[in-house]
Amino acid sequence: MFFASDNGSAVAPEVLAALAADPGPAMPYGADPVTAEVTAMIRTLFEAPEAEVALVTSGTAANALALATLSPPWGAIFCREEAHIEADECNAAEFFSGGGKLVTLPGEQGKLAPETLAAALARFAPGDLHAARPAALSLTNVTELGTLYRPAEIAALTAVARTRGLGCHLDGARFANALVAADASPAEMSWRAGIDILSLGGTKNGLMGVEAVVVFDPARADELRIRRKRAGHLMSKHRYLALQMRACLADGLWLRLARHANAAAARLAEGLAALPDVRLVAPAEANLIFAELPQPLAHRARAAGAVFYDMGGKGNRVRVRLVCSWNTSDAEVDAFVAALA
């Protein structure tokens, strides 16, 4: 009963098989044919023939390099107050941008509202030499609370960002989960909704360790290439990153894995909602669930072998985070609910 994180799930067998099938020697640093094939695959999937695709080994690297490409050292990067770039990436966005300032904003159910962003931007007077210059908006989909931005919601936020010339970034560590939950196309969830740079997640969706930074504006491509190399994230044996991504994207595997994780979470949410002492904090729209329950129930679940994160609480109640993965089984879900019941 492992519900701690989809980061902790196993590598999908199709991905392991792709890595085990030795492709032989190839030119290093992304000059290999597999990387070229993956670039073409992503361009086709996103209906973006000029997109730049840069593979890196972690979501932190993807987000930090993307935001550094959008923001100068004097720039302000707007995000929700619990965004991963704010709470979990050790100031990487600030470091790689050379000092860019994260401006965190509140939001209901894990999401920013356009009026909240507009009010925040209004506090920054155009041309003010004493304040940071608004530079970028960063959204997360699936959100840190397990909710979903649909394409129209993203477009409403990026439209506000455009009024002040902000570049728009999407942290898509769980992008595949968002796609299948919204029944949207990759283009609809990204550049058609106003996103300039996407961090396309892979590690949380069955890969050993690879993410893709997808730049939809060709004018920004060269800067991203330089920043990736300068930051030490252009891997020598780059083809082994590309092999993982190719295996995941081939024949829609990435969407099937995400669909399974979302279905497991829906089953878990249904079971939790039926328990009298358990309350879902937000709608379970993808593969991430937050729930509040009595502390003794959490202890009981752990005693039965469940692994999950305790997010704190008040009194005798605790908030827990439960994440389903591409290989979470119905038996695990049912056993967890039974332990609580």
Protein backbone atom coordinates (compact mmCIF):
# COMPACT_ATOMS: atom_id res chain seq x y z
CA MET A 1 0.00 0.00 0.00
CA PHE A 2 2.40 2.66 -1.24
CA PHE A 3 0.70 6.04 -1.56
CA ALA A 4 3.60 8.33 -0.67
CA SER A 5 4.42 9.58 -4.16
CA ASP A 6 4.34 8.59 -7.80
CA ASN A 7 8.07 9.42 -7.68
CA GLY A 8 8.49 6.25 -5.64
CA SER A 9 6.71 3.90 -8.01
CA ALA A 10 8.57 1.38 -10.13
CA VAL A 11 9.81 2.02 -13.64
CA ALA A 12 7.36 0.79 -16.27
CA PRO A 13 8.54 -2.48 -17.86
CA GLU A 14 8.37 -1.00 -21.35
CA VAL A 15 10.82 1.69 -20.28
CA LEU A 16 13.17 -0.79 -18.65
CA ALA A 17 13.10 -2.92 -21.78
CA ALA A 18 13.99 0.11 -23.91
CA LEU A 19 16.98 0.85 -21.70
CA ALA A 20 18.11 -2.77 -21.69
CA ALA A 21 18.08 -2.99 -25.47
CA ASP A 22 21.55 -1.62 -26.12
CA PRO A 23 21.32 0.88 -29.01
CA GLY A 24 25.07 0.76 -29.54
CA PRO A 25 27.42 3.72 -29.75
CA ALA A 26 26.07 7.10 -30.76
CA MET A 27 27.18 10.71 -30.80
CA PRO A 28 26.93 12.30 -27.35
CA TYR A 29 25.18 15.38 -25.96
CA GLY A 30 21.92 14.90 -27.81
CA ALA A 31 23.39 14.51 -31.30
CA ASP A 32 22.06 10.93 -31.54
CA PRO A 33 19.18 9.68 -33.72
CA VAL A 34 16.96 8.69 -30.76
CA THR A 35 16.97 12.25 -29.43
CA ALA A 36 16.06 13.53 -32.88
CA GLU A 37 13.21 11.02 -33.02
CA VAL A 38 11.89 12.09 -29.59
CA THR A 39 12.03 15.73 -30.61
CA ALA A 40 9.97 14.93 -33.69
CA MET A 41 7.49 12.89 -31.61
CA ILE A 42 6.91 15.71 -29.15
CA ARG A 43 6.56 18.29 -31.92
CA THR A 44 3.95 16.08 -33.57
CA LEU A 45 2.04 15.39 -30.34
CA PHE A 46 1.89 19.09 -29.51
CA GLU A 47 1.21 20.21 -33.09
CA ALA A 48 4.22 22.50 -32.70
CA PRO A 49 6.70 21.86 -35.55
CA GLU A 50 9.17 24.52 -34.38
CA ALA A 51 9.19 23.68 -30.68
CA GLU A 52 12.55 23.24 -28.95
CA VAL A 53 12.76 20.07 -26.84
CA ALA A 54 15.40 19.75 -24.13
CA LEU A 55 15.58 16.59 -22.02
CA VAL A 56 16.82 16.85 -18.42
CA THR A 57 16.92 14.46 -15.50
CA SER A 58 14.66 16.13 -12.93
CA GLY A 59 11.59 18.29 -12.57
CA THR A 60 13.57 20.82 -10.57
CA ALA A 61 16.00 21.25 -13.46
CA ALA A 62 13.15 21.52 -15.96
CA ASN A 63 11.29 24.18 -13.97
CA ALA A 64 14.37 26.19 -13.05
CA LEU A 65 15.79 26.30 -16.58
CA ALA A 66 12.38 27.14 -18.04
CA LEU A 67 11.83 30.02 -15.64
CA ALA A 68 15.37 31.29 -16.05
CA THR A 69 14.66 31.46 -19.78
CA LEU A 70 11.56 33.58 -19.09
CA SER A 71 12.82 35.83 -16.29
CA PRO A 72 15.85 38.14 -15.97
CA PRO A 73 17.56 38.54 -12.57
CA TRP A 74 15.34 41.54 -11.82
CA GLY A 75 12.15 39.74 -12.80
CA ALA A 76 9.18 38.73 -10.69
CA ILE A 77 7.77 35.22 -11.19
CA PHE A 78 4.15 34.83 -10.06
CA CYS A 79 2.97 31.47 -8.72
CA ARG A 80 0.57 30.00 -6.20
CA GLU A 81 1.79 30.03 -2.60
CA GLU A 82 2.16 26.22 -2.40
CA ALA A 83 3.71 25.82 -5.85
CA HIS A 84 6.46 23.23 -6.15
CA ILE A 85 8.92 25.90 -7.33
CA GLU A 86 8.26 27.76 -4.08
CA ALA A 87 8.03 24.96 -1.52
CA ASP A 88 10.12 22.06 -2.83
CA GLU A 89 12.93 23.16 -5.15
CA CYS A 90 15.43 24.85 -2.81
CA ASN A 91 15.26 28.27 -4.55
CA ALA A 92 16.35 26.70 -7.85
CA ALA A 93 14.23 29.09 -9.92
CA GLU A 94 15.79 32.06 -8.16
CA PHE A 95 19.29 30.64 -8.49
CA PHE A 96 19.15 29.73 -12.18
CA SER A 97 17.47 33.02 -13.12
CA GLY A 98 20.24 34.89 -11.35
CA GLY A 99 18.00 36.32 -8.67
CA GLY A 100 14.45 36.33 -10.01
CA LYS A 101 11.87 36.90 -7.29
CA LEU A 102 9.02 34.45 -6.65
CA VAL A 103 5.79 36.29 -5.83
CA THR A 104 3.40 33.80 -4.22
CA LEU A 105 -0.37 34.26 -4.40
CA PRO A 106 -3.30 32.58 -2.62
CA GLY A 107 -5.88 30.48 -4.41
CA GLU A 108 -8.79 28.20 -3.68
CA GLN A 109 -8.44 24.44 -4.16
CA GLY A 110 -4.85 24.73 -5.36
CA LYS A 111 -5.57 27.12 -8.24
CA LEU A 112 -4.98 30.78 -9.01
CA ALA A 113 -7.85 32.98 -10.13
CA PRO A 114 -7.41 35.58 -12.90
CA GLU A 115 -8.58 38.40 -10.61
CA THR A 116 -5.96 37.42 -8.01
CA LEU A 117 -3.21 37.62 -10.61
CA ALA A 118 -4.56 40.92 -11.97
CA ALA A 119 -4.59 42.46 -8.48
CA ALA A 120 -1.02 41.29 -7.85
CA LEU A 121 0.21 42.76 -11.13
CA ALA A 122 -1.48 46.07 -10.31
CA ARG A 123 0.84 46.44 -7.32
CA PHE A 124 3.83 46.64 -9.68
CA ALA A 125 3.83 50.05 -11.32
CA PRO A 126 5.19 49.99 -14.88
CA GLY A 127 8.71 51.37 -15.03
CA ASP A 128 9.21 51.40 -11.24
CA LEU A 129 12.99 51.22 -10.67
CA HIS A 130 12.51 50.28 -7.01
CA ALA A 131 10.64 47.02 -7.54
CA ALA A 132 11.07 43.78 -9.45
CA ARG A 133 9.72 43.81 -13.00
CA PRO A 134 6.88 41.35 -13.68
CA ALA A 135 8.40 38.69 -15.94
CA ALA A 136 6.67 35.32 -15.73
CA LEU A 137 3.65 33.35 -14.58
CA SER A 138 4.11 29.74 -13.46
CA LEU A 139 1.14 27.38 -13.15
CA THR A 140 1.10 23.73 -12.06
CA ASN A 141 -1.13 21.13 -13.67
CA VAL A 142 -2.10 18.83 -11.92
CA THR A 143 -2.03 21.31 -9.01
CA GLU A 144 -0.30 20.65 -5.72
CA LEU A 145 -3.73 19.94 -4.19
CA GLY A 146 -4.67 17.38 -6.83
CA THR A 147 -7.08 19.63 -8.71
CA LEU A 148 -7.10 20.42 -12.39
CA TYR A 149 -6.73 23.49 -14.56
CA ARG A 150 -8.76 23.00 -17.71
CA PRO A 151 -7.57 24.69 -20.91
CA ALA A 152 -10.05 27.57 -20.60
CA GLU A 153 -8.84 28.28 -17.06
CA ILE A 154 -5.21 28.36 -18.20
CA ALA A 155 -6.14 30.65 -21.08
CA ALA A 156 -7.91 33.07 -18.72
CA LEU A 157 -4.79 33.34 -16.56
CA THR A 158 -2.34 33.68 -19.43
CA ALA A 159 -4.54 36.41 -20.92
CA VAL A 160 -4.09 38.43 -17.73
CA ALA A 161 -0.35 37.72 -17.81
CA ARG A 162 -0.13 39.00 -21.39
CA THR A 163 -1.48 42.41 -20.36
CA ARG A 164 1.89 43.00 -18.69
CA GLY A 165 4.05 41.06 -21.13
CA LEU A 166 4.70 38.07 -18.87
CA GLY A 167 6.01 34.79 -20.26
CA CYS A 168 3.94 31.79 -19.16
CA HIS A 169 5.31 28.51 -17.80
CA LEU A 170 3.46 25.31 -16.97
CA ASP A 171 4.90 22.86 -14.46
CA GLY A 172 3.60 19.64 -15.98
CA ALA A 173 5.19 17.10 -13.66
CA ARG A 174 1.80 15.33 -13.91
CA PHE A 175 0.89 16.71 -17.35
CA ALA A 176 -0.26 13.32 -18.65
CA ASN A 177 -2.61 12.94 -15.69
CA ALA A 178 -4.03 16.39 -16.41
CA LEU A 179 -4.51 15.58 -20.09
CA VAL A 180 -6.52 12.42 -19.56
CA ALA A 181 -8.54 14.00 -16.73
CA ALA A 182 -9.50 16.99 -18.90
CA ASP A 183 -9.85 14.92 -22.09
CA ALA A 184 -7.76 17.58 -23.81
CA SER A 185 -5.04 17.47 -26.43
CA PRO A 186 -1.43 18.40 -25.57
CA ALA A 187 -1.75 21.56 -27.70
CA GLU A 188 -5.01 22.60 -26.03
CA MET A 189 -3.44 22.23 -22.58
CA SER A 190 -0.30 24.16 -23.49
CA TRP A 191 0.50 26.65 -26.26
CA ARG A 192 -3.07 27.09 -27.46
CA ALA A 193 -3.94 28.15 -23.91
CA GLY A 194 -1.07 30.66 -23.88
CA ILE A 195 1.79 28.62 -22.41
CA ASP A 196 5.27 29.55 -23.69
CA ILE A 197 7.33 26.86 -21.96
CA LEU A 198 6.20 23.49 -20.58
CA SER A 199 7.97 21.22 -18.13
CA LEU A 200 6.73 17.87 -19.44
CA GLY A 201 6.97 15.29 -16.68
CA GLY A 202 8.09 11.72 -17.10
CA THR A 203 9.51 10.51 -13.79
CA LYS A 204 6.13 10.54 -12.02
CA ASN A 205 4.62 8.60 -14.90
CA GLY A 206 6.71 5.45 -15.08
CA LEU A 207 10.10 6.71 -16.30
CA MET A 208 13.39 6.17 -14.50
CA GLY A 209 14.34 9.84 -14.60
CA VAL A 210 13.68 12.21 -17.48
CA GLU A 211 11.64 15.35 -18.08
CA ALA A 212 11.33 17.46 -21.22
CA VAL A 213 11.43 21.24 -21.40
CA VAL A 214 9.27 22.17 -24.38
CA VAL A 215 9.73 25.73 -25.67
CA PHE A 216 6.97 26.79 -28.04
CA ASP A 217 8.53 30.15 -28.96
CA PRO A 218 11.47 29.52 -31.35
CA ALA A 219 12.99 32.88 -30.35
CA ARG A 220 13.69 31.50 -26.86
CA ALA A 221 15.18 28.19 -28.01
CA ASP A 222 18.82 29.17 -28.19
CA GLU A 223 18.82 30.66 -24.69
CA LEU A 224 17.41 27.44 -23.26
CA ARG A 225 20.12 25.41 -25.05
CA ILE A 226 22.83 27.61 -23.58
CA ARG A 227 21.34 27.57 -20.09
CA ARG A 228 21.01 23.78 -20.07
CA LYS A 229 24.65 23.33 -21.04
CA ARG A 230 25.92 25.99 -18.63
CA ALA A 231 23.93 24.44 -15.78
CA GLY A 232 25.44 21.00 -16.38
CA HIS A 233 22.18 19.40 -17.51
CA LEU A 234 23.20 18.40 -21.04
CA MET A 235 24.00 14.73 -20.49
CA SER A 236 26.81 13.03 -22.35
CA LYS A 237 24.97 9.72 -22.89
CA HIS A 238 21.87 11.67 -23.71
CA ARG A 239 20.35 8.85 -25.75
CA TYR A 240 19.46 7.01 -22.54
CA LEU A 241 17.18 9.87 -21.57
CA ALA A 242 15.70 9.84 -25.05
CA LEU A 243 15.17 6.05 -24.97
CA GLN A 244 12.99 6.43 -21.87
CA MET A 245 10.91 9.22 -23.36
CA ARG A 246 10.51 7.41 -26.67
CA ALA A 247 9.25 4.27 -24.94
CA CYS A 248 6.80 6.31 -22.90
CA LEU A 249 5.37 8.30 -25.80
CA ALA A 250 5.23 5.40 -28.24
CA ASP A 251 1.73 4.00 -28.87
CA GLY A 252 0.21 6.26 -26.21
CA LEU A 253 1.84 4.47 -23.27
CA TRP A 254 2.22 7.74 -21.31
CA LEU A 255 -1.53 8.34 -21.44
CA ARG A 256 -2.42 4.76 -20.54
CA LEU A 257 -0.15 4.90 -17.49
CA ALA A 258 -1.68 8.22 -16.40
CA ARG A 259 -5.20 6.95 -16.99
CA HIS A 260 -4.54 3.96 -14.73
CA ALA A 261 -3.19 6.22 -11.95
CA ASN A 262 -6.21 8.52 -12.21
CA ALA A 263 -8.62 5.57 -12.11
CA ALA A 264 -6.92 4.20 -9.00
CA ALA A 265 -7.24 7.60 -7.32
CA ALA A 266 -10.92 7.81 -8.25
CA ARG A 267 -11.51 4.41 -6.68
CA LEU A 268 -9.62 5.49 -3.58
CA ALA A 269 -11.53 8.79 -3.32
CA GLU A 270 -14.84 6.95 -3.59
CA GLY A 271 -13.83 4.60 -0.80
CA LEU A 272 -12.64 7.42 1.44
CA ALA A 273 -15.77 9.51 0.85
CA ALA A 274 -17.90 6.63 2.10
CA LEU A 275 -16.18 6.63 5.50
CA PRO A 276 -17.95 8.78 8.12
CA ASP A 277 -14.82 10.23 9.76
CA VAL A 278 -12.92 11.05 6.56
CA ARG A 279 -13.23 14.28 4.55
CA LEU A 280 -11.72 15.00 1.14
CA VAL A 281 -9.99 18.40 1.22
CA ALA A 282 -10.44 19.02 -2.52
CA PRO A 283 -11.98 17.21 -5.48
CA ALA A 284 -9.90 14.22 -6.55
CA GLU A 285 -9.56 15.15 -10.23
CA ALA A 286 -6.41 13.24 -11.15
CA ASN A 287 -4.09 10.95 -9.17
CA LEU A 288 -3.45 13.05 -6.05
CA ILE A 289 -5.74 13.09 -3.00
CA PHE A 290 -5.71 15.13 0.20
CA ALA A 291 -7.92 13.92 3.03
CA GLU A 292 -8.52 14.80 6.67
CA LEU A 293 -9.13 11.99 9.15
CA PRO A 294 -8.74 11.19 12.84
CA GLN A 295 -5.16 10.55 13.90
CA PRO A 296 -5.96 7.03 15.18
CA LEU A 297 -7.15 6.04 11.71
CA ALA A 298 -3.88 7.22 10.19
CA HIS A 299 -1.96 5.17 12.75
CA ARG A 300 -4.14 2.17 11.98
CA ALA A 301 -3.46 2.44 8.25
CA ARG A 302 0.29 2.68 8.84
CA ALA A 303 0.18 -0.33 11.15
CA ALA A 304 -1.45 -2.24 8.30
CA GLY A 305 1.49 -1.34 6.02
CA ALA A 306 0.32 1.81 4.28
CA VAL A 307 2.91 4.44 3.32
CA PHE A 308 1.80 8.06 2.84
CA TYR A 309 2.67 11.60 3.87
CA ASP A 310 1.29 13.33 6.97
CA MET A 311 0.76 17.00 6.12
CA GLY A 312 -0.03 18.14 9.67
CA GLY A 313 -3.33 18.98 11.30
CA LYS A 314 -5.13 20.28 14.36
CA GLY A 315 -6.20 18.46 17.47
CA ASN A 316 -7.01 14.85 16.83
CA ARG A 317 -7.32 15.23 13.07
CA VAL A 318 -4.57 14.99 10.49
CA ARG A 319 -4.33 15.87 6.80
CA VAL A 320 -2.75 13.17 4.65
CA ARG A 321 -1.59 13.11 1.04
CA LEU A 322 -2.25 10.00 -1.01
CA VAL A 323 -0.81 9.56 -4.50
CA CYS A 324 -1.71 6.78 -6.90
CA SER A 325 0.73 5.62 -9.55
CA TRP A 326 0.71 3.88 -12.90
CA ASN A 327 0.93 0.52 -11.12
CA THR A 328 -1.30 1.09 -8.07
CA SER A 329 -3.59 -1.93 -7.86
CA ASP A 330 -7.24 -2.16 -6.91
CA ALA A 331 -6.17 -4.54 -4.14
CA GLU A 332 -3.92 -1.87 -2.61
CA VAL A 333 -6.69 0.71 -2.73
CA ASP A 334 -9.26 -1.63 -1.22
CA ALA A 335 -6.88 -2.77 1.52
CA PHE A 336 -6.17 0.85 2.49
CA VAL A 337 -9.85 1.73 2.73
CA ALA A 338 -10.52 -1.48 4.67
CA ALA A 339 -7.75 -0.59 7.15
CA LEU A 340 -9.42 2.75 7.83
CA ALA A 341 -12.88 1.21 8.06
